[in-house]
């Protein structure tokens, strides 16, 4: 997802690539293309289950009622203000929804059947300039609903967290990547977060907001070519290139497997060496797949780590409702 002339963006390609190996190029996305990934639900479920165990000694178990699989859809391009100027951007939207039931120990609550319903919906909008630019914009909206009946009334609590980030990089992606390539760049992230809540569809109340500027150094390594099992029941096999991302000084590491045309096939994220997310391409529509020749422009590979954050809300609303 990153672009800029190679001479500007690459700090160094430290190891030469083999001539016969795979070369990763930029995808030729079209409006309406989409990519669906299996694994996001498991990560969100595990995050909520762990938090419920920590927050409530009466928690028994969590069950899944329904889900909308994680899907990235390519939208029509649009111009937005980035870096103080109007910039034409390719737009992608990532969406996921998960409906769960929280089960508490029998008799420990005033809830009907000692259960509470949770629905969490995540939407991430990403703007990537179509020409040479050091900027990227992301807006993540996480919408949490939980409701329960008890004490002769129904309660419905909604929490909405909106995080907007503008990312500026001093080094961006090369237009082509081969096994053995290594590069790094620094990022400056301007982040604004707003949390709102309302109860029983009353007016929204802003409970928290804040802005911060972050700086970090990111390193990337094109590790190896490898096959990944994809599709329903992992019946397909897709040749990919594995790339490792490391944020210097942090405990987070990402492993991303890319198709030769540059779209993401599989991703894994680790925190302190523990796997917290593993997602694999299960279905997709890519209009350029059957095109014989693909034009590679100078603005680099499009979306490393599109699943860079699980985006799970803190369970403050659940804790509040449990104590009432």
C-alpha atoms as a PDB file:
ATOM      1  CA  UNK A   1       0.000   0.000   0.000  1.00  0.00           C
ATOM      2  CA  UNK A   2       2.952   2.214  -0.004  1.00  0.00           C
ATOM      3  CA  UNK A   3       4.284   4.286  -2.784  1.00  0.00           C
ATOM      4  CA  UNK A   4       7.103   6.641  -3.755  1.00  0.00           C
ATOM      5  CA  UNK A   5      10.053   6.346  -6.090  1.00  0.00           C
ATOM      6  CA  UNK A   6      12.378   3.539  -5.149  1.00  0.00           C
ATOM      7  CA  UNK A   7      15.339   5.886  -4.772  1.00  0.00           C
ATOM      8  CA  UNK A   8      13.468   7.809  -2.093  1.00  0.00           C
ATOM      9  CA  UNK A   9      11.733   5.033  -0.269  1.00  0.00           C
ATOM     10  CA  UNK A  10      14.143   2.187   0.247  1.00  0.00           C
ATOM     11  CA  UNK A  11      16.766   2.495   2.931  1.00  0.00           C
ATOM     12  CA  UNK A  12      18.535  -0.535   1.516  1.00  0.00           C
ATOM     13  CA  UNK A  13      17.976  -3.774  -0.288  1.00  0.00           C
ATOM     14  CA  UNK A  14      20.537  -5.666   1.698  1.00  0.00           C
ATOM     15  CA  UNK A  15      20.434  -9.089   0.071  1.00  0.00           C
ATOM     16  CA  UNK A  16      20.210  -9.571  -3.703  1.00  0.00           C
ATOM     17  CA  UNK A  17      17.269 -11.600  -4.989  1.00  0.00           C
ATOM     18  CA  UNK A  18      17.585 -14.699  -7.102  1.00  0.00           C
ATOM     19  CA  UNK A  19      16.810 -14.171 -10.750  1.00  0.00           C
ATOM     20  CA  UNK A  20      14.322 -17.026 -11.081  1.00  0.00           C
ATOM     21  CA  UNK A  21      12.306 -16.254  -7.939  1.00  0.00           C
ATOM     22  CA  UNK A  22       8.885 -14.720  -7.424  1.00  0.00           C
ATOM     23  CA  UNK A  23       8.566 -10.951  -7.730  1.00  0.00           C
ATOM     24  CA  UNK A  24       5.773  -9.216  -5.797  1.00  0.00           C
ATOM     25  CA  UNK A  25       4.213  -6.302  -7.657  1.00  0.00           C
ATOM     26  CA  UNK A  26       1.371  -3.894  -7.067  1.00  0.00           C
ATOM     27  CA  UNK A  27      -2.184  -5.247  -7.494  1.00  0.00           C
ATOM     28  CA  UNK A  28      -4.388  -3.790 -10.192  1.00  0.00           C
ATOM     29  CA  UNK A  29      -7.527  -3.308  -8.076  1.00  0.00           C
ATOM     30  CA  UNK A  30     -10.886  -2.385  -9.598  1.00  0.00           C
ATOM     31  CA  UNK A  31     -13.922  -0.902  -7.871  1.00  0.00           C
ATOM     32  CA  UNK A  32     -15.975  -3.771  -6.464  1.00  0.00           C
ATOM     33  CA  UNK A  33     -13.084  -6.203  -5.950  1.00  0.00           C
ATOM     34  CA  UNK A  34     -13.254  -7.907  -2.575  1.00  0.00           C
ATOM     35  CA  UNK A  35     -11.223 -10.279  -0.387  1.00  0.00           C
ATOM     36  CA  UNK A  36     -12.702 -12.348   2.457  1.00  0.00           C
ATOM     37  CA  UNK A  37     -10.562 -13.740   5.287  1.00  0.00           C
ATOM     38  CA  UNK A  38     -11.130 -16.546   7.758  1.00  0.00           C
ATOM     39  CA  UNK A  39      -9.748 -16.053  11.291  1.00  0.00           C
ATOM     40  CA  UNK A  40     -10.837 -12.585  12.371  1.00  0.00           C
ATOM     41  CA  UNK A  41     -13.821 -14.021  14.287  1.00  0.00           C
ATOM     42  CA  UNK A  42     -11.620 -16.382  16.290  1.00  0.00           C
ATOM     43  CA  UNK A  43      -9.351 -13.489  17.295  1.00  0.00           C
ATOM     44  CA  UNK A  44     -12.212 -11.215  18.390  1.00  0.00           C
ATOM     45  CA  UNK A  45     -13.873 -14.072  20.282  1.00  0.00           C
ATOM     46  CA  UNK A  46     -10.642 -14.939  22.120  1.00  0.00           C
ATOM     47  CA  UNK A  47     -10.086 -11.279  23.047  1.00  0.00           C
ATOM     48  CA  UNK A  48     -13.554 -10.915  24.559  1.00  0.00           C
ATOM     49  CA  UNK A  49     -13.403 -14.251  26.329  1.00  0.00           C
ATOM     50  CA  UNK A  50     -10.088 -13.320  27.973  1.00  0.00           C
ATOM     51  CA  UNK A  51     -11.418  -9.930  29.077  1.00  0.00           C
ATOM     52  CA  UNK A  52     -14.622 -11.415  30.493  1.00  0.00           C
ATOM     53  CA  UNK A  53     -12.615 -13.938  32.485  1.00  0.00           C
ATOM     54  CA  UNK A  54     -10.497 -11.121  33.906  1.00  0.00           C
ATOM     55  CA  UNK A  55     -13.414  -8.809  34.701  1.00  0.00           C
ATOM     56  CA  UNK A  56     -16.082 -11.121  36.148  1.00  0.00           C
ATOM     57  CA  UNK A  57     -15.636 -13.980  38.585  1.00  0.00           C
ATOM     58  CA  UNK A  58     -19.210 -15.066  37.734  1.00  0.00           C
ATOM     59  CA  UNK A  59     -18.369 -15.475  34.034  1.00  0.00           C
ATOM     60  CA  UNK A  60     -19.008 -19.028  32.812  1.00  0.00           C
ATOM     61  CA  UNK A  61     -18.489 -19.075  29.045  1.00  0.00           C
ATOM     62  CA  UNK A  62     -18.999 -17.217  25.777  1.00  0.00           C
ATOM     63  CA  UNK A  63     -20.778 -18.600  22.720  1.00  0.00           C
ATOM     64  CA  UNK A  64     -21.053 -17.398  19.106  1.00  0.00           C
ATOM     65  CA  UNK A  65     -24.548 -16.762  17.749  1.00  0.00           C
ATOM     66  CA  UNK A  66     -23.655 -15.434  14.300  1.00  0.00           C
ATOM     67  CA  UNK A  67     -20.997 -13.610  12.317  1.00  0.00           C
ATOM     68  CA  UNK A  68     -20.275 -11.628   9.172  1.00  0.00           C
ATOM     69  CA  UNK A  69     -16.816 -12.740   7.920  1.00  0.00           C
ATOM     70  CA  UNK A  70     -14.037 -10.156   7.589  1.00  0.00           C
ATOM     71  CA  UNK A  71     -14.124  -8.661   4.100  1.00  0.00           C
ATOM     72  CA  UNK A  72     -12.077  -5.959   2.398  1.00  0.00           C
ATOM     73  CA  UNK A  73     -13.886  -4.231  -0.473  1.00  0.00           C
ATOM     74  CA  UNK A  74     -12.333  -1.835  -2.975  1.00  0.00           C
ATOM     75  CA  UNK A  75     -14.441   1.318  -3.300  1.00  0.00           C
ATOM     76  CA  UNK A  76     -14.381   4.076  -5.921  1.00  0.00           C
ATOM     77  CA  UNK A  77     -11.393   6.433  -5.682  1.00  0.00           C
ATOM     78  CA  UNK A  78     -11.871   9.856  -4.122  1.00  0.00           C
ATOM     79  CA  UNK A  79      -9.855  12.979  -3.343  1.00  0.00           C
ATOM     80  CA  UNK A  80      -9.196  13.943   0.269  1.00  0.00           C
ATOM     81  CA  UNK A  81      -6.858  16.375   2.023  1.00  0.00           C
ATOM     82  CA  UNK A  82      -3.592  14.700   3.004  1.00  0.00           C
ATOM     83  CA  UNK A  83      -0.423  16.529   3.992  1.00  0.00           C
ATOM     84  CA  UNK A  84      -2.070  19.874   3.296  1.00  0.00           C
ATOM     85  CA  UNK A  85      -3.053  19.138  -0.287  1.00  0.00           C
ATOM     86  CA  UNK A  86      -5.874  17.452  -2.193  1.00  0.00           C
ATOM     87  CA  UNK A  87      -4.820  13.891  -3.007  1.00  0.00           C
ATOM     88  CA  UNK A  88      -6.572  11.269  -5.112  1.00  0.00           C
ATOM     89  CA  UNK A  89      -6.820   8.026  -3.145  1.00  0.00           C
ATOM     90  CA  UNK A  90      -7.877   4.463  -3.640  1.00  0.00           C
ATOM     91  CA  UNK A  91     -10.406   3.624  -0.920  1.00  0.00           C
ATOM     92  CA  UNK A  92     -10.885   0.267   0.769  1.00  0.00           C
ATOM     93  CA  UNK A  93     -13.363  -0.725   3.478  1.00  0.00           C
ATOM     94  CA  UNK A  94     -12.796  -3.605   5.903  1.00  0.00           C
ATOM     95  CA  UNK A  95     -15.897  -4.910   7.695  1.00  0.00           C
ATOM     96  CA  UNK A  96     -16.615  -7.606  10.269  1.00  0.00           C
ATOM     97  CA  UNK A  97     -19.441  -8.372  12.724  1.00  0.00           C
ATOM     98  CA  UNK A  98     -19.774 -10.922  15.510  1.00  0.00           C
ATOM     99  CA  UNK A  99     -22.789 -11.697  17.706  1.00  0.00           C
ATOM    100  CA  UNK A 100     -22.121 -13.509  20.998  1.00  0.00           C
ATOM    101  CA  UNK A 101     -23.897 -14.576  24.170  1.00  0.00           C
ATOM    102  CA  UNK A 102     -22.219 -14.216  27.578  1.00  0.00           C
ATOM    103  CA  UNK A 103     -23.200 -16.972  30.019  1.00  0.00           C
ATOM    104  CA  UNK A 104     -22.790 -16.316  33.741  1.00  0.00           C
ATOM    105  CA  UNK A 105     -22.960 -18.838  36.588  1.00  0.00           C
ATOM    106  CA  UNK A 106     -26.557 -19.890  37.261  1.00  0.00           C
ATOM    107  CA  UNK A 107     -28.190 -17.626  39.834  1.00  0.00           C
ATOM    108  CA  UNK A 108     -25.326 -15.114  39.939  1.00  0.00           C
ATOM    109  CA  UNK A 109     -27.180 -12.299  38.132  1.00  0.00           C
ATOM    110  CA  UNK A 110     -30.626 -10.759  37.787  1.00  0.00           C
ATOM    111  CA  UNK A 111     -30.433 -11.347  34.033  1.00  0.00           C
ATOM    112  CA  UNK A 112     -32.935 -13.533  32.279  1.00  0.00           C
ATOM    113  CA  UNK A 113     -31.308 -17.004  32.066  1.00  0.00           C
ATOM    114  CA  UNK A 114     -28.089 -15.409  33.446  1.00  0.00           C
ATOM    115  CA  UNK A 115     -27.097 -14.379  29.939  1.00  0.00           C
ATOM    116  CA  UNK A 116     -26.283 -11.166  28.105  1.00  0.00           C
ATOM    117  CA  UNK A 117     -25.996 -10.537  24.363  1.00  0.00           C
ATOM    118  CA  UNK A 118     -22.998  -8.790  22.774  1.00  0.00           C
ATOM    119  CA  UNK A 119     -22.708  -7.637  19.185  1.00  0.00           C
ATOM    120  CA  UNK A 120     -19.434  -6.080  17.983  1.00  0.00           C
ATOM    121  CA  UNK A 121     -19.122  -4.528  14.538  1.00  0.00           C
ATOM    122  CA  UNK A 122     -15.835  -3.262  13.108  1.00  0.00           C
ATOM    123  CA  UNK A 123     -15.379  -1.072  10.051  1.00  0.00           C
ATOM    124  CA  UNK A 124     -12.009   0.255   8.886  1.00  0.00           C
ATOM    125  CA  UNK A 125     -11.810   2.760   6.032  1.00  0.00           C
ATOM    126  CA  UNK A 126      -8.386   3.206   4.404  1.00  0.00           C
ATOM    127  CA  UNK A 127      -7.312   5.916   1.948  1.00  0.00           C
ATOM    128  CA  UNK A 128      -4.142   5.161  -0.061  1.00  0.00           C
ATOM    129  CA  UNK A 129      -2.899   7.821  -2.521  1.00  0.00           C
ATOM    130  CA  UNK A 130      -2.785   6.583  -6.119  1.00  0.00           C
ATOM    131  CA  UNK A 131       0.335   8.644  -6.844  1.00  0.00           C
ATOM    132  CA  UNK A 132       3.640   9.203  -5.025  1.00  0.00           C
ATOM    133  CA  UNK A 133       2.825  10.253  -1.450  1.00  0.00           C
ATOM    134  CA  UNK A 134       4.194   9.705   2.038  1.00  0.00           C
ATOM    135  CA  UNK A 135       0.726   9.681   3.626  1.00  0.00           C
ATOM    136  CA  UNK A 136      -2.085   7.253   4.418  1.00  0.00           C
ATOM    137  CA  UNK A 137      -5.347   7.731   6.318  1.00  0.00           C
ATOM    138  CA  UNK A 138      -7.327   5.193   8.364  1.00  0.00           C
ATOM    139  CA  UNK A 139     -10.615   5.548  10.249  1.00  0.00           C
ATOM    140  CA  UNK A 140     -11.605   2.622  12.450  1.00  0.00           C
ATOM    141  CA  UNK A 141     -15.099   2.473  13.959  1.00  0.00           C
ATOM    142  CA  UNK A 142     -15.885  -0.208  16.536  1.00  0.00           C
ATOM    143  CA  UNK A 143     -19.535  -0.404  17.571  1.00  0.00           C
ATOM    144  CA  UNK A 144     -20.381  -2.480  20.651  1.00  0.00           C
ATOM    145  CA  UNK A 145     -23.953  -3.371  21.604  1.00  0.00           C
ATOM    146  CA  UNK A 146     -24.919  -5.347  24.687  1.00  0.00           C
ATOM    147  CA  UNK A 147     -28.360  -5.998  26.015  1.00  0.00           C
ATOM    148  CA  UNK A 148     -30.056  -8.031  28.731  1.00  0.00           C
ATOM    149  CA  UNK A 149     -33.390  -8.385  30.513  1.00  0.00           C
ATOM    150  CA  UNK A 150     -33.708  -8.393  34.281  1.00  0.00           C
ATOM    151  CA  UNK A 151     -35.442  -6.719  37.174  1.00  0.00           C
ATOM    152  CA  UNK A 152     -38.562  -6.250  35.103  1.00  0.00           C
ATOM    153  CA  UNK A 153     -36.912  -4.189  32.350  1.00  0.00           C
ATOM    154  CA  UNK A 154     -34.804  -4.460  29.228  1.00  0.00           C
ATOM    155  CA  UNK A 155     -31.457  -2.682  28.992  1.00  0.00           C
ATOM    156  CA  UNK A 156     -29.631  -1.850  25.791  1.00  0.00           C
ATOM    157  CA  UNK A 157     -26.179  -0.263  26.018  1.00  0.00           C
ATOM    158  CA  UNK A 158     -24.257   0.971  22.971  1.00  0.00           C
ATOM    159  CA  UNK A 159     -20.624   2.031  22.890  1.00  0.00           C
ATOM    160  CA  UNK A 160     -18.910   3.504  19.838  1.00  0.00           C
ATOM    161  CA  UNK A 161     -15.172   4.085  19.478  1.00  0.00           C
ATOM    162  CA  UNK A 162     -13.860   6.013  16.466  1.00  0.00           C
ATOM    163  CA  UNK A 163     -10.103   6.173  15.871  1.00  0.00           C
ATOM    164  CA  UNK A 164      -8.740   8.318  13.058  1.00  0.00           C
ATOM    165  CA  UNK A 165      -5.097   8.056  12.037  1.00  0.00           C
ATOM    166  CA  UNK A 166      -3.024   9.950   9.509  1.00  0.00           C
ATOM    167  CA  UNK A 167       0.253   8.126   8.897  1.00  0.00           C
ATOM    168  CA  UNK A 168       3.305   9.816   7.370  1.00  0.00           C
ATOM    169  CA  UNK A 169       6.338   7.790   6.313  1.00  0.00           C
ATOM    170  CA  UNK A 170       9.817   8.863   5.301  1.00  0.00           C
ATOM    171  CA  UNK A 171      10.389   5.633   3.383  1.00  0.00           C
ATOM    172  CA  UNK A 172       7.830   3.641   1.463  1.00  0.00           C
ATOM    173  CA  UNK A 173       7.416   0.424  -0.414  1.00  0.00           C
ATOM    174  CA  UNK A 174       9.509  -0.580  -3.416  1.00  0.00           C
ATOM    175  CA  UNK A 175       7.539  -1.144  -6.610  1.00  0.00           C
ATOM    176  CA  UNK A 176       8.840  -4.728  -6.744  1.00  0.00           C
ATOM    177  CA  UNK A 177       9.911  -7.097  -3.970  1.00  0.00           C
ATOM    178  CA  UNK A 178      12.043 -10.240  -4.196  1.00  0.00           C
ATOM    179  CA  UNK A 179      13.073 -12.792  -1.586  1.00  0.00           C
ATOM    180  CA  UNK A 180      15.944 -11.431   0.492  1.00  0.00           C
ATOM    181  CA  UNK A 181      14.962  -7.752   0.162  1.00  0.00           C
ATOM    182  CA  UNK A 182      15.075  -5.783   3.406  1.00  0.00           C
ATOM    183  CA  UNK A 183      14.081  -2.192   4.067  1.00  0.00           C
ATOM    184  CA  UNK A 184      12.899   0.038   6.867  1.00  0.00           C
ATOM    185  CA  UNK A 185      11.233   3.385   7.334  1.00  0.00           C
ATOM    186  CA  UNK A 186      10.000   5.647  10.119  1.00  0.00           C
ATOM    187  CA  UNK A 187       6.347   6.469  10.718  1.00  0.00           C
ATOM    188  CA  UNK A 188       4.704   9.437  12.392  1.00  0.00           C
ATOM    189  CA  UNK A 189       1.105   8.718  13.372  1.00  0.00           C
ATOM    190  CA  UNK A 190      -1.377  11.458  14.286  1.00  0.00           C
ATOM    191  CA  UNK A 191      -4.208   9.708  16.130  1.00  0.00           C
ATOM    192  CA  UNK A 192      -7.535  11.005  17.437  1.00  0.00           C
ATOM    193  CA  UNK A 193      -9.868   8.739  19.422  1.00  0.00           C
ATOM    194  CA  UNK A 194     -13.442   9.399  20.549  1.00  0.00           C
ATOM    195  CA  UNK A 195     -15.576   7.078  22.707  1.00  0.00           C
ATOM    196  CA  UNK A 196     -19.323   7.595  22.995  1.00  0.00           C
ATOM    197  CA  UNK A 197     -22.030   5.726  24.881  1.00  0.00           C
ATOM    198  CA  UNK A 198     -25.784   5.710  25.184  1.00  0.00           C
ATOM    199  CA  UNK A 199     -28.298   3.648  27.158  1.00  0.00           C
ATOM    200  CA  UNK A 200     -31.709   2.538  25.881  1.00  0.00           C
ATOM    201  CA  UNK A 201     -31.344   4.691  22.752  1.00  0.00           C
ATOM    202  CA  UNK A 202     -31.044   7.957  24.645  1.00  0.00           C
ATOM    203  CA  UNK A 203     -28.709  10.730  23.433  1.00  0.00           C
ATOM    204  CA  UNK A 204     -25.085   9.809  22.786  1.00  0.00           C
ATOM    205  CA  UNK A 205     -22.741  10.831  25.595  1.00  0.00           C
ATOM    206  CA  UNK A 206     -19.030  11.323  24.888  1.00  0.00           C
ATOM    207  CA  UNK A 207     -17.192   9.464  27.631  1.00  0.00           C
ATOM    208  CA  UNK A 208     -13.610   9.944  26.469  1.00  0.00           C
ATOM    209  CA  UNK A 209     -11.585  11.591  23.718  1.00  0.00           C
ATOM    210  CA  UNK A 210      -7.979  12.398  23.047  1.00  0.00           C
ATOM    211  CA  UNK A 211      -5.248  13.004  20.512  1.00  0.00           C
ATOM    212  CA  UNK A 212      -1.671  11.787  20.369  1.00  0.00           C
ATOM    213  CA  UNK A 213       1.307  11.733  18.044  1.00  0.00           C
ATOM    214  CA  UNK A 214       3.382   8.580  17.809  1.00  0.00           C
ATOM    215  CA  UNK A 215       6.742   7.895  16.180  1.00  0.00           C
ATOM    216  CA  UNK A 216       8.120   4.467  15.383  1.00  0.00           C
ATOM    217  CA  UNK A 217      10.575   2.617  13.170  1.00  0.00           C
ATOM    218  CA  UNK A 218       9.350  -0.332  11.093  1.00  0.00           C
ATOM    219  CA  UNK A 219      11.489  -2.976   9.398  1.00  0.00           C
ATOM    220  CA  UNK A 220      10.391  -5.362   6.655  1.00  0.00           C
ATOM    221  CA  UNK A 221      12.059  -8.514   5.359  1.00  0.00           C
ATOM    222  CA  UNK A 222      10.985 -10.638   2.363  1.00  0.00           C
ATOM    223  CA  UNK A 223      11.743 -14.029   3.912  1.00  0.00           C
ATOM    224  CA  UNK A 224      10.862 -16.837   1.499  1.00  0.00           C
ATOM    225  CA  UNK A 225       8.527 -18.227  -1.132  1.00  0.00           C
ATOM    226  CA  UNK A 226       6.014 -20.697   0.272  1.00  0.00           C
ATOM    227  CA  UNK A 227       2.626 -22.269  -0.510  1.00  0.00           C
ATOM    228  CA  UNK A 228      -0.428 -21.370   1.600  1.00  0.00           C
ATOM    229  CA  UNK A 229      -3.591 -23.482   1.882  1.00  0.00           C
ATOM    230  CA  UNK A 230      -6.566 -21.281   0.982  1.00  0.00           C
ATOM    231  CA  UNK A 231     -10.270 -21.451   0.160  1.00  0.00           C
ATOM    232  CA  UNK A 232     -13.065 -23.421   1.815  1.00  0.00           C
ATOM    233  CA  UNK A 233     -11.669 -26.272   3.915  1.00  0.00           C
ATOM    234  CA  UNK A 234      -8.154 -25.218   2.820  1.00  0.00           C
ATOM    235  CA  UNK A 235      -8.526 -27.180  -0.385  1.00  0.00           C
ATOM    236  CA  UNK A 236      -6.640 -24.673  -2.543  1.00  0.00           C
ATOM    237  CA  UNK A 237      -2.907 -23.989  -2.658  1.00  0.00           C
ATOM    238  CA  UNK A 238      -1.602 -20.489  -3.384  1.00  0.00           C
ATOM    239  CA  UNK A 239       2.090 -19.665  -4.027  1.00  0.00           C
ATOM    240  CA  UNK A 240       3.078 -16.668  -1.895  1.00  0.00           C
ATOM    241  CA  UNK A 241       5.991 -14.668  -0.561  1.00  0.00           C
ATOM    242  CA  UNK A 242       6.319 -14.403   3.212  1.00  0.00           C
ATOM    243  CA  UNK A 243       7.225 -10.978   4.603  1.00  0.00           C
ATOM    244  CA  UNK A 244       7.984 -10.188   8.238  1.00  0.00           C
ATOM    245  CA  UNK A 245       7.207  -6.838   9.840  1.00  0.00           C
ATOM    246  CA  UNK A 246       8.838  -5.740  13.099  1.00  0.00           C
ATOM    247  CA  UNK A 247       8.166  -2.496  14.936  1.00  0.00           C
ATOM    248  CA  UNK A 248      11.489  -1.567  16.548  1.00  0.00           C
ATOM    249  CA  UNK A 249      11.308  -1.521  20.357  1.00  0.00           C
ATOM    250  CA  UNK A 250       7.823  -3.049  20.505  1.00  0.00           C
ATOM    251  CA  UNK A 251       6.643  -6.572  21.243  1.00  0.00           C
ATOM    252  CA  UNK A 252       4.424  -6.818  18.138  1.00  0.00           C
ATOM    253  CA  UNK A 253       5.443  -8.792  15.070  1.00  0.00           C
ATOM    254  CA  UNK A 254       3.485  -9.481  11.877  1.00  0.00           C
ATOM    255  CA  UNK A 255       3.981 -12.215   9.301  1.00  0.00           C
ATOM    256  CA  UNK A 256       2.250 -11.541   5.970  1.00  0.00           C
ATOM    257  CA  UNK A 257       1.996 -13.854   2.952  1.00  0.00           C
ATOM    258  CA  UNK A 258       1.432 -12.071  -0.385  1.00  0.00           C
ATOM    259  CA  UNK A 259       0.268 -13.299  -3.759  1.00  0.00           C
ATOM    260  CA  UNK A 260       2.593 -12.554  -6.663  1.00  0.00           C
ATOM    261  CA  UNK A 261       0.262  -9.726  -7.735  1.00  0.00           C
ATOM    262  CA  UNK A 262       0.504  -8.121  -4.319  1.00  0.00           C
ATOM    263  CA  UNK A 263      -2.746  -8.887  -2.512  1.00  0.00           C
ATOM    264  CA  UNK A 264      -2.689 -10.364   0.969  1.00  0.00           C
ATOM    265  CA  UNK A 265      -3.254 -14.137   1.253  1.00  0.00           C
ATOM    266  CA  UNK A 266      -2.523 -14.772   4.931  1.00  0.00           C
ATOM    267  CA  UNK A 267      -1.519 -12.773   7.994  1.00  0.00           C
ATOM    268  CA  UNK A 268      -0.413 -13.627  11.529  1.00  0.00           C
ATOM    269  CA  UNK A 269       0.146 -11.208  14.412  1.00  0.00           C
ATOM    270  CA  UNK A 270       2.135 -11.898  17.558  1.00  0.00           C
ATOM    271  CA  UNK A 271       2.335 -10.021  20.870  1.00  0.00           C
ATOM    272  CA  UNK A 272       5.235 -11.016  23.118  1.00  0.00           C
ATOM    273  CA  UNK A 273       5.624 -14.112  20.980  1.00  0.00           C
ATOM    274  CA  UNK A 274       1.981 -15.185  21.441  1.00  0.00           C
ATOM    275  CA  UNK A 275      -0.180 -15.589  18.336  1.00  0.00           C
ATOM    276  CA  UNK A 276      -3.212 -13.270  18.674  1.00  0.00           C
ATOM    277  CA  UNK A 277      -4.526 -13.310  15.109  1.00  0.00           C
ATOM    278  CA  UNK A 278      -4.249 -15.670  12.159  1.00  0.00           C
ATOM    279  CA  UNK A 279      -6.379 -14.965   9.100  1.00  0.00           C
ATOM    280  CA  UNK A 280      -6.316 -16.622   5.671  1.00  0.00           C
ATOM    281  CA  UNK A 281      -7.945 -15.740   2.372  1.00  0.00           C
ATOM    282  CA  UNK A 282     -11.088 -17.859   1.952  1.00  0.00           C
ATOM    283  CA  UNK A 283     -12.795 -16.242  -1.036  1.00  0.00           C
ATOM    284  CA  UNK A 284     -12.249 -13.249  -3.305  1.00  0.00           C
ATOM    285  CA  UNK A 285     -13.118 -11.364  -6.469  1.00  0.00           C
ATOM    286  CA  UNK A 286     -10.114  -9.866  -8.244  1.00  0.00           C
ATOM    287  CA  UNK A 287     -11.001  -8.479 -11.663  1.00  0.00           C
ATOM    288  CA  UNK A 288      -7.411  -8.319 -12.943  1.00  0.00           C
ATOM    289  CA  UNK A 289      -6.684 -11.986 -12.237  1.00  0.00           C
ATOM    290  CA  UNK A 290      -7.226 -13.054 -15.834  1.00  0.00           C
ATOM    291  CA  UNK A 291      -5.568 -10.018 -17.406  1.00  0.00           C
ATOM    292  CA  UNK A 292      -2.454 -11.078 -19.310  1.00  0.00           C
ATOM    293  CA  UNK A 293      -0.421  -7.919 -18.624  1.00  0.00           C
ATOM    294  CA  UNK A 294      -0.557  -5.810 -15.467  1.00  0.00           C
ATOM    295  CA  UNK A 295       0.903  -2.306 -15.462  1.00  0.00           C
ATOM    296  CA  UNK A 296       3.046  -1.636 -12.385  1.00  0.00           C
ATOM    297  CA  UNK A 297       3.071   2.039 -11.439  1.00  0.00           C
ATOM    298  CA  UNK A 298       5.566   3.832  -9.253  1.00  0.00           C
ATOM    299  CA  UNK A 299       3.589   4.059  -6.034  1.00  0.00           C
ATOM    300  CA  UNK A 300       4.365   0.664  -4.601  1.00  0.00           C
ATOM    301  CA  UNK A 301       2.635  -2.294  -2.984  1.00  0.00           C
ATOM    302  CA  UNK A 302      -0.853  -1.648  -1.566  1.00  0.00           C
ATOM    303  CA  UNK A 303      -1.800  -3.034   1.802  1.00  0.00           C
ATOM    304  CA  UNK A 304       0.599  -4.794   4.063  1.00  0.00           C
ATOM    305  CA  UNK A 305      -1.048  -5.744   7.387  1.00  0.00           C
ATOM    306  CA  UNK A 306      -4.607  -4.842   6.548  1.00  0.00           C
ATOM    307  CA  UNK A 307      -5.504  -6.707   9.739  1.00  0.00           C
ATOM    308  CA  UNK A 308      -3.041  -4.731  11.807  1.00  0.00           C
ATOM    309  CA  UNK A 309      -5.396  -4.339  14.761  1.00  0.00           C
ATOM    310  CA  UNK A 310      -8.208  -6.449  16.109  1.00  0.00           C
ATOM    311  CA  UNK A 311      -9.915  -3.260  17.185  1.00  0.00           C
ATOM    312  CA  UNK A 312     -11.722  -4.684  20.205  1.00  0.00           C
ATOM    313  CA  UNK A 313     -13.358  -2.213  22.597  1.00  0.00           C
ATOM    314  CA  UNK A 314     -12.681  -2.307  26.312  1.00  0.00           C
ATOM    315  CA  UNK A 315     -15.591  -3.911  28.173  1.00  0.00           C
ATOM    316  CA  UNK A 316     -16.455  -0.895  30.332  1.00  0.00           C
ATOM    317  CA  UNK A 317     -20.075  -0.956  29.215  1.00  0.00           C
ATOM    318  CA  UNK A 318     -20.371  -4.642  30.067  1.00  0.00           C
ATOM    319  CA  UNK A 319     -18.839  -4.117  33.497  1.00  0.00           C
ATOM    320  CA  UNK A 320     -21.235  -1.250  34.119  1.00  0.00           C
ATOM    321  CA  UNK A 321     -24.296  -3.250  33.129  1.00  0.00           C
ATOM    322  CA  UNK A 322     -23.178  -6.244  35.210  1.00  0.00           C
ATOM    323  CA  UNK A 323     -22.908  -4.077  38.339  1.00  0.00           C
ATOM    324  CA  UNK A 324     -26.347  -2.495  37.940  1.00  0.00           C
END
